Amino acid sequence: MAFEKRRPLPTVVAAGESLNLLVHVRAQVPAQVEAIDVTYTGAGRTRSVRNSTVFQIRDRCF
């Protein structure tokens, strides 16, 4: 998926499909982003990932 294509959230990712998530942060005052929280649902379970660098969501995480 190209970065220029936007998808509404929440979104559905098909089995075998990869999805790049690009996050834009617009601050009203100087700010520091320390981590990103992502909540996702798969195989009937909801999981949350918090990471300050790179995170990957894979089926085996369930």
C-alpha atoms as a PDB file:
ATOM      1  CA  MET A   1       0.000   0.000   0.000  1.00  0.00           C
ATOM      2  CA  ALA A   2       1.347   3.406  -0.927  1.00  0.00           C
ATOM      3  CA  PHE A   3       1.666   6.063   1.737  1.00  0.00           C
ATOM      4  CA  GLU A   4      -0.360   8.539  -0.321  1.00  0.00           C
ATOM      5  CA  LYS A   5      -3.463   6.317  -0.127  1.00  0.00           C
ATOM      6  CA  ARG A   6      -5.496   7.044   2.990  1.00  0.00           C
ATOM      7  CA  ARG A   7      -7.715   4.556   4.769  1.00  0.00           C
ATOM      8  CA  PRO A   8     -10.333   5.441   7.347  1.00  0.00           C
ATOM      9  CA  LEU A   9      -9.825   4.120  10.851  1.00  0.00           C
ATOM     10  CA  PRO A  10     -10.776   1.655  12.068  1.00  0.00           C
ATOM     11  CA  THR A  11      -9.677  -0.284   8.975  1.00  0.00           C
ATOM     12  CA  VAL A  12      -9.546  -3.940   7.960  1.00  0.00           C
ATOM     13  CA  VAL A  13      -6.355  -5.661   6.799  1.00  0.00           C
ATOM     14  CA  ALA A  14      -6.935  -8.833   4.790  1.00  0.00           C
ATOM     15  CA  ALA A  15      -5.083 -12.061   5.590  1.00  0.00           C
ATOM     16  CA  GLY A  16      -1.643 -11.931   3.970  1.00  0.00           C
ATOM     17  CA  GLU A  17      -1.863  -8.165   3.380  1.00  0.00           C
ATOM     18  CA  SER A  18       0.749  -5.783   4.791  1.00  0.00           C
ATOM     19  CA  LEU A  19      -0.219  -2.305   5.900  1.00  0.00           C
ATOM     20  CA  ASN A  20       2.230   0.517   6.524  1.00  0.00           C
ATOM     21  CA  LEU A  21       1.006   2.867   9.213  1.00  0.00           C
ATOM     22  CA  LEU A  22       2.243   6.428   8.918  1.00  0.00           C
ATOM     23  CA  VAL A  23       1.518   8.730  11.838  1.00  0.00           C
ATOM     24  CA  HIS A  24       1.464  12.515  11.568  1.00  0.00           C
ATOM     25  CA  VAL A  25       1.674  14.517  14.792  1.00  0.00           C
ATOM     26  CA  ARG A  26       0.751  18.195  14.809  1.00  0.00           C
ATOM     27  CA  ALA A  27       1.626  19.973  18.049  1.00  0.00           C
ATOM     28  CA  GLN A  28       0.241  23.344  19.120  1.00  0.00           C
ATOM     29  CA  VAL A  29       3.270  23.908  21.368  1.00  0.00           C
ATOM     30  CA  PRO A  30       6.733  22.291  21.383  1.00  0.00           C
ATOM     31  CA  ALA A  31       6.210  18.612  22.189  1.00  0.00           C
ATOM     32  CA  GLN A  32       8.100  15.355  22.403  1.00  0.00           C
ATOM     33  CA  VAL A  33       6.590  12.048  21.257  1.00  0.00           C
ATOM     34  CA  GLU A  34       7.914   9.246  23.423  1.00  0.00           C
ATOM     35  CA  ALA A  35       5.849   6.312  22.165  1.00  0.00           C
ATOM     36  CA  ILE A  36       2.932   5.257  19.987  1.00  0.00           C
ATOM     37  CA  ASP A  37       0.033   3.154  21.307  1.00  0.00           C
ATOM     38  CA  VAL A  38      -1.788   0.962  18.782  1.00  0.00           C
ATOM     39  CA  THR A  39      -4.808  -1.202  19.564  1.00  0.00           C
ATOM     40  CA  TYR A  40      -5.758  -3.930  17.100  1.00  0.00           C
ATOM     41  CA  THR A  41      -8.198  -6.815  16.924  1.00  0.00           C
ATOM     42  CA  GLY A  42      -7.612 -10.165  15.268  1.00  0.00           C
ATOM     43  CA  ALA A  43      -8.795 -13.723  15.710  1.00  0.00           C
ATOM     44  CA  GLY A  44     -11.466 -12.406  18.067  1.00  0.00           C
ATOM     45  CA  ARG A  45      -8.957 -10.862  20.483  1.00  0.00           C
ATOM     46  CA  THR A  46      -8.026  -7.233  21.080  1.00  0.00           C
ATOM     47  CA  ARG A  47      -4.372  -6.454  21.761  1.00  0.00           C
ATOM     48  CA  SER A  48      -2.420  -3.274  22.392  1.00  0.00           C
ATOM     49  CA  VAL A  49       1.172  -2.451  21.463  1.00  0.00           C
ATOM     50  CA  ARG A  50       3.193   0.447  22.857  1.00  0.00           C
ATOM     51  CA  ASN A  51       6.556   1.086  21.294  1.00  0.00           C
ATOM     52  CA  SER A  52       8.983   3.944  20.911  1.00  0.00           C
ATOM     53  CA  THR A  53      10.670   2.655  17.756  1.00  0.00           C
ATOM     54  CA  VAL A  54       9.201   0.050  15.397  1.00  0.00           C
ATOM     55  CA  PHE A  55       6.467  -2.474  16.066  1.00  0.00           C
ATOM     56  CA  GLN A  56       5.197  -5.374  14.008  1.00  0.00           C
ATOM     57  CA  ILE A  57       1.825  -7.075  14.308  1.00  0.00           C
ATOM     58  CA  ARG A  58       1.790 -10.698  13.195  1.00  0.00           C
ATOM     59  CA  ASP A  59      -0.734 -13.516  13.448  1.00  0.00           C
ATOM     60  CA  ARG A  60       1.559 -15.473  15.741  1.00  0.00           C
ATOM     61  CA  CYS A  61       1.271 -12.671  18.324  1.00  0.00           C
ATOM     62  CA  PHE A  62      -2.272 -13.869  19.001  1.00  0.00           C
END
